[in-house]
Amino acid sequence: MNVGHPGIERVGYAPPEGKAGEVEAHRVSEMVARVGAEEFVGLQRLEFHALVVVTHGSERHMVDFADHELVPGSVLWLRPGQVQGWGDTKAFDGHVLIWPAGLVDPAVDRLVGVESAYGPREWHLGEAARAELEPLLAMLDRLSPDESLPRELRSATLAHLLETLLLRLAGLAGTAGSTDSLPEPFVAFREMVEREHARWHDVREYADALGWSARTLARATARAAGVTPKRMIDDRILLETRRLLAHTDQPVHRVGSALGFDDPSNFTAWFTHRAGVRPSKFRARMRR
């Protein structure tokens, strides 16, 4: 779920003319020069996928309160809805691939978890893996701006190259098909929590919508994640709460309201119990 809030710049999908629905391939340095360095300052919530493959330099990139080290061989997948910050874009360079949600074939999505908020997001590749992927990245770089190809042919070729790249990344990391071993109720519940956590806080609401009993969901989440369904719901709400408290100036009661809490005191008690600190103190701590 993408929620627009002051303090977090919402970056919509805005492809170049004639390139809607295609994979865009750039060098990071070229992308920054094209749109302006000021567009990479501050916190953002992207509405599209961006895969960054670092070839030179080093920097740190923040994604949802975690700093990721970018060095040659690092691959970072920025997914729609995450809160992220670029750091110093002059300190490193590499490939960046951009594509809209829903572009990848469902069979590839199932193997790689493209549209899942819980899919893989970071790799650190050795020299052999980097050498294997470089020809794919070079071909994407070469074909993306190629106006001599008919658009349908170029679009299909770029999509297939992206899918090949994602499958190889998953294969190199041993994550291909990783969701196949998870219980079906768990996967469906997890994805619905991602969509509905701001509206539904009760396990029974999810159970009714999915057509499974609350007991079935409890068995599935215990087997797959070692937690209860309620814990999964609360953890997702907590992440979104921390995002809004840390990165926006919205009053605490409005943060609670945006996440489905009708009573500010109930929201404060809920957050304090799960985070170990009151919302106002958490916000102050994050802004020191």
Protein backbone atom coordinates (compact mmCIF):
# COMPACT_ATOMS: atom_id res chain seq x y z
CA MET A 1 0.00 0.00 0.00
CA ASN A 2 1.39 3.38 -0.97
CA VAL A 3 0.32 6.21 1.29
CA GLY A 4 1.27 9.79 0.51
CA HIS A 5 2.39 11.79 3.55
CA PRO A 6 4.25 15.08 3.98
CA GLY A 7 7.94 14.45 4.53
CA ILE A 8 8.14 11.44 2.27
CA GLU A 9 8.28 12.31 -1.42
CA ARG A 10 6.06 10.02 -3.43
CA VAL A 11 7.78 9.26 -6.75
CA GLY A 12 5.31 8.13 -9.36
CA TYR A 13 6.00 6.02 -12.42
CA ALA A 14 6.82 8.52 -15.18
CA PRO A 15 8.57 6.80 -18.11
CA PRO A 16 10.00 8.74 -21.05
CA GLU A 17 7.64 9.31 -23.95
CA GLY A 18 7.03 6.09 -25.85
CA LYS A 19 8.55 3.89 -23.13
CA ALA A 20 5.52 3.23 -20.90
CA GLY A 21 5.47 -0.36 -19.67
CA GLU A 22 9.07 -1.02 -20.70
CA VAL A 23 12.18 -1.78 -18.72
CA GLU A 24 14.36 1.32 -18.48
CA ALA A 25 18.09 0.73 -18.16
CA HIS A 26 20.49 3.51 -17.15
CA ARG A 27 23.77 4.12 -15.43
CA VAL A 28 23.15 5.70 -12.04
CA SER A 29 25.30 8.69 -13.02
CA GLU A 30 23.39 9.15 -16.28
CA MET A 31 20.03 8.95 -14.50
CA VAL A 32 21.07 11.56 -11.93
CA ALA A 33 22.37 13.87 -14.66
CA ARG A 34 19.16 13.46 -16.67
CA VAL A 35 16.63 14.26 -13.94
CA GLY A 36 18.81 16.40 -11.66
CA ALA A 37 20.66 15.59 -8.44
CA GLU A 38 18.03 17.45 -6.39
CA GLU A 39 15.53 14.68 -7.19
CA PHE A 40 17.61 12.21 -5.15
CA VAL A 41 17.78 14.25 -1.96
CA GLY A 42 15.60 13.30 0.98
CA LEU A 43 13.30 10.37 1.57
CA GLN A 44 11.22 8.78 -1.14
CA ARG A 45 8.51 6.20 -1.61
CA LEU A 46 8.75 4.78 -5.12
CA GLU A 47 5.70 3.58 -7.03
CA PHE A 48 7.78 1.29 -9.26
CA HIS A 49 10.61 -1.23 -9.03
CA ALA A 50 14.26 -0.16 -9.21
CA LEU A 51 17.15 -2.63 -9.22
CA VAL A 52 20.56 -1.07 -8.51
CA VAL A 53 23.71 -3.04 -9.44
CA VAL A 54 26.83 -1.29 -8.15
CA THR A 55 30.02 -1.38 -10.24
CA HIS A 56 32.14 1.44 -8.80
CA GLY A 57 32.53 3.36 -5.56
CA SER A 58 30.73 2.89 -2.26
CA GLU A 59 27.88 4.44 -0.29
CA ARG A 60 25.10 3.50 2.11
CA HIS A 61 21.46 3.36 1.09
CA MET A 62 18.65 3.46 3.67
CA VAL A 63 15.59 1.27 3.17
CA ASP A 64 13.01 1.12 5.98
CA PHE A 65 15.40 1.95 8.85
CA ALA A 66 18.12 -0.39 7.61
CA ASP A 67 21.35 0.86 6.02
CA HIS A 68 22.54 -1.21 3.06
CA GLU A 69 26.18 -1.02 2.02
CA LEU A 70 26.65 -0.34 -1.67
CA VAL A 71 30.01 -1.57 -2.99
CA PRO A 72 31.01 -3.22 -6.26
CA GLY A 73 28.95 -6.41 -6.51
CA SER A 74 26.08 -5.10 -4.38
CA VAL A 75 22.59 -5.49 -5.81
CA LEU A 76 19.74 -3.63 -4.11
CA TRP A 77 16.10 -4.07 -5.10
CA LEU A 78 13.95 -1.05 -4.22
CA ARG A 79 10.30 -2.12 -4.17
CA PRO A 80 7.13 -0.06 -4.46
CA GLY A 81 6.02 1.35 -1.12
CA GLN A 82 9.32 1.17 0.74
CA VAL A 83 10.72 4.35 2.30
CA GLN A 84 14.26 4.82 1.03
CA GLY A 85 17.02 7.39 0.74
CA TRP A 86 19.76 7.47 -1.90
CA GLY A 87 22.66 8.99 0.02
CA ASP A 88 25.41 10.59 -2.09
CA THR A 89 24.79 9.56 -5.70
CA LYS A 90 28.22 10.90 -6.68
CA ALA A 91 29.96 8.38 -4.42
CA PHE A 92 29.10 5.31 -6.52
CA ASP A 93 27.96 4.23 -9.96
CA GLY A 94 26.40 1.22 -11.56
CA HIS A 95 23.38 -0.03 -13.45
CA VAL A 96 19.83 0.84 -12.48
CA LEU A 97 16.81 -0.92 -13.98
CA ILE A 98 13.34 0.58 -13.61
CA TRP A 99 10.06 -1.14 -14.40
CA PRO A 100 6.38 -0.82 -13.39
CA ALA A 101 4.55 -3.27 -11.16
CA GLY A 102 2.89 -6.09 -13.06
CA LEU A 103 5.39 -6.21 -15.93
CA VAL A 104 7.00 -9.57 -15.12
CA ASP A 105 5.40 -12.83 -16.24
CA PRO A 106 3.40 -14.52 -13.42
CA ALA A 107 5.51 -17.69 -13.69
CA VAL A 108 8.67 -15.67 -13.05
CA ASP A 109 6.93 -13.73 -10.31
CA ARG A 110 6.11 -17.01 -8.55
CA LEU A 111 9.74 -18.11 -8.65
CA VAL A 112 11.33 -14.79 -7.73
CA GLY A 113 8.67 -12.99 -5.66
CA VAL A 114 8.72 -9.89 -7.84
CA GLU A 115 5.48 -8.35 -6.61
CA SER A 116 5.78 -9.56 -3.03
CA ALA A 117 6.82 -7.03 -0.41
CA TYR A 118 8.62 -9.97 1.22
CA GLY A 119 10.67 -10.93 -1.82
CA PRO A 120 14.48 -10.74 -1.93
CA ARG A 121 15.94 -7.27 -1.78
CA GLU A 122 19.73 -7.49 -1.50
CA TRP A 123 22.63 -9.55 -2.86
CA HIS A 124 26.41 -9.26 -2.59
CA LEU A 125 27.89 -10.96 -5.64
CA GLY A 126 31.35 -12.38 -6.06
CA GLU A 127 33.45 -11.87 -9.17
CA ALA A 128 32.16 -14.97 -10.97
CA ALA A 129 28.51 -14.02 -10.47
CA ARG A 130 29.19 -10.43 -11.51
CA ALA A 131 30.91 -11.64 -14.68
CA GLU A 132 27.93 -13.86 -15.49
CA LEU A 133 25.39 -11.05 -15.11
CA GLU A 134 27.36 -8.27 -16.81
CA PRO A 135 26.48 -9.34 -20.40
CA LEU A 136 22.77 -9.25 -19.50
CA LEU A 137 23.12 -5.80 -17.98
CA ALA A 138 25.15 -4.56 -20.95
CA MET A 139 22.48 -5.78 -23.36
CA LEU A 140 19.75 -4.08 -21.34
CA ASP A 141 21.78 -0.85 -21.40
CA ARG A 142 22.23 -1.14 -25.14
CA LEU A 143 18.65 -2.02 -26.10
CA SER A 144 16.73 0.25 -23.74
CA PRO A 145 17.41 3.45 -25.73
CA ASP A 146 17.42 1.74 -29.14
CA GLU A 147 14.83 3.54 -31.26
CA SER A 148 15.65 1.50 -34.37
CA LEU A 149 13.77 -1.52 -33.01
CA PRO A 150 9.98 -1.71 -33.36
CA ARG A 151 8.54 -0.81 -29.97
CA GLU A 152 6.79 -4.16 -29.39
CA LEU A 153 9.97 -6.08 -30.20
CA ARG A 154 12.12 -3.86 -27.99
CA SER A 155 9.63 -4.03 -25.11
CA ALA A 156 9.35 -7.83 -25.24
CA THR A 157 13.13 -8.28 -25.50
CA LEU A 158 13.79 -6.01 -22.53
CA ALA A 159 11.17 -7.81 -20.44
CA HIS A 160 12.70 -11.21 -21.22
CA LEU A 161 16.19 -9.95 -20.38
CA LEU A 162 14.94 -8.58 -17.07
CA GLU A 163 13.24 -11.88 -16.24
CA THR A 164 16.42 -13.79 -17.08
CA LEU A 165 18.43 -11.47 -14.85
CA LEU A 166 16.03 -11.84 -11.92
CA LEU A 167 15.94 -15.62 -12.30
CA ARG A 168 19.73 -15.82 -12.31
CA LEU A 169 19.94 -13.58 -9.25
CA ALA A 170 17.49 -15.85 -7.46
CA GLY A 171 19.43 -18.89 -8.59
CA LEU A 172 22.76 -17.50 -7.45
CA ALA A 173 21.29 -16.65 -4.05
CA GLY A 174 19.38 -19.92 -3.72
CA THR A 175 16.04 -18.14 -3.39
CA ALA A 176 14.34 -19.28 -6.61
CA GLY A 177 11.01 -20.90 -5.85
CA SER A 178 11.47 -20.20 -2.15
CA THR A 179 7.76 -19.54 -1.67
CA ASP A 180 6.85 -22.98 -3.03
CA SER A 181 7.71 -24.58 0.31
CA LEU A 182 5.53 -22.17 2.28
CA PRO A 183 1.94 -23.08 3.18
CA GLU A 184 -0.56 -21.57 0.76
CA PRO A 185 -2.63 -19.98 3.56
CA PHE A 186 0.50 -18.27 4.91
CA VAL A 187 1.46 -16.74 1.55
CA ALA A 188 -2.08 -15.53 0.87
CA PHE A 189 -2.44 -14.13 4.39
CA ARG A 190 0.92 -12.36 4.25
CA GLU A 191 0.08 -10.67 0.96
CA MET A 192 -3.37 -9.61 2.20
CA VAL A 193 -1.84 -8.13 5.36
CA GLU A 194 0.43 -6.06 3.12
CA ARG A 195 -2.63 -4.67 1.34
CA GLU A 196 -5.11 -4.32 4.18
CA HIS A 197 -3.17 -3.70 7.41
CA ALA A 198 -4.39 -0.10 7.66
CA ARG A 199 -8.02 -1.26 7.60
CA TRP A 200 -8.09 -4.71 9.18
CA HIS A 201 -6.48 -5.44 12.54
CA ASP A 202 -8.39 -8.60 13.44
CA VAL A 203 -7.34 -12.08 12.31
CA ARG A 204 -10.95 -13.07 11.68
CA GLU A 205 -11.35 -10.37 9.05
CA TYR A 206 -8.53 -11.93 7.06
CA ALA A 207 -9.76 -15.47 7.67
CA ASP A 208 -13.24 -14.58 6.40
CA ALA A 209 -11.86 -12.82 3.31
CA LEU A 210 -9.51 -15.68 2.46
CA GLY A 211 -11.95 -18.49 3.16
CA TRP A 212 -9.79 -20.23 5.76
CA SER A 213 -10.43 -20.54 9.46
CA ALA A 214 -8.43 -18.52 11.98
CA ARG A 215 -7.05 -21.83 13.25
CA THR A 216 -5.77 -22.72 9.76
CA LEU A 217 -4.00 -19.35 9.51
CA ALA A 218 -2.49 -19.87 12.96
CA ARG A 219 -1.07 -23.27 11.99
CA ALA A 220 0.29 -21.85 8.72
CA THR A 221 2.00 -18.82 10.28
CA ALA A 222 3.45 -20.93 13.09
CA ARG A 223 4.94 -23.38 10.58
CA ALA A 224 6.28 -20.75 8.15
CA ALA A 225 7.35 -17.92 10.47
CA GLY A 226 7.07 -19.17 14.04
CA VAL A 227 4.62 -16.41 14.97
CA THR A 228 0.87 -15.93 15.34
CA PRO A 229 -1.28 -14.27 12.67
CA LYS A 230 -1.94 -11.38 15.07
CA ARG A 231 1.81 -10.84 15.47
CA MET A 232 2.21 -10.62 11.68
CA ILE A 233 -0.55 -8.02 11.46
CA ASP A 234 0.88 -5.99 14.33
CA ASP A 235 4.43 -6.15 12.92
CA ARG A 236 3.25 -4.75 9.59
CA ILE A 237 1.29 -1.94 11.25
CA LEU A 238 4.31 -1.20 13.45
CA LEU A 239 6.58 -0.83 10.41
CA GLU A 240 4.21 1.65 8.78
CA THR A 241 3.82 3.53 12.06
CA ARG A 242 7.57 3.85 12.46
CA ARG A 243 7.85 5.10 8.87
CA LEU A 244 5.31 7.85 9.44
CA LEU A 245 6.58 8.89 12.86
CA ALA A 246 10.20 9.04 11.72
CA HIS A 247 9.76 10.54 8.29
CA THR A 248 6.71 12.85 8.46
CA ASP A 249 5.51 15.73 10.62
CA GLN A 250 1.97 14.40 10.93
CA PRO A 251 0.57 14.70 14.47
CA VAL A 252 0.67 11.42 16.35
CA HIS A 253 -3.13 11.13 16.40
CA ARG A 254 -3.24 11.46 12.60
CA VAL A 255 -0.64 8.72 12.20
CA GLY A 256 -2.85 6.48 14.30
CA SER A 257 -5.95 7.43 12.33
CA ALA A 258 -4.21 6.69 9.01
CA LEU A 259 -3.53 3.18 10.28
CA GLY A 260 -7.04 2.41 11.45
CA PHE A 261 -7.02 3.53 15.10
CA ASP A 262 -10.14 5.51 16.00
CA ASP A 263 -8.96 6.53 19.47
CA PRO A 264 -5.60 8.34 19.94
CA SER A 265 -5.11 6.93 23.44
CA ASN A 266 -5.63 3.39 22.18
CA PHE A 267 -3.08 4.01 19.43
CA THR A 268 -0.53 5.39 21.89
CA ALA A 269 -1.01 2.42 24.20
CA TRP A 270 -0.76 -0.02 21.28
CA PHE A 271 2.48 1.51 19.97
CA THR A 272 4.06 1.86 23.42
CA HIS A 273 3.37 -1.80 24.21
CA ARG A 274 4.95 -3.03 20.97
CA ALA A 275 7.79 -0.54 20.51
CA GLY A 276 8.68 -0.06 24.18
CA VAL A 277 8.46 3.72 23.87
CA ARG A 278 5.70 6.29 23.37
CA PRO A 279 5.16 7.52 19.78
CA SER A 280 6.36 11.05 20.60
CA LYS A 281 9.56 9.77 22.20
CA PHE A 282 10.21 7.43 19.27
CA ARG A 283 9.86 10.37 16.88
CA ALA A 284 12.21 12.54 18.95
CA ARG A 285 14.76 9.73 19.18
CA MET A 286 14.77 9.22 15.39
CA ARG A 287 15.38 12.94 14.78
CA ARG A 288 18.36 13.50 17.06
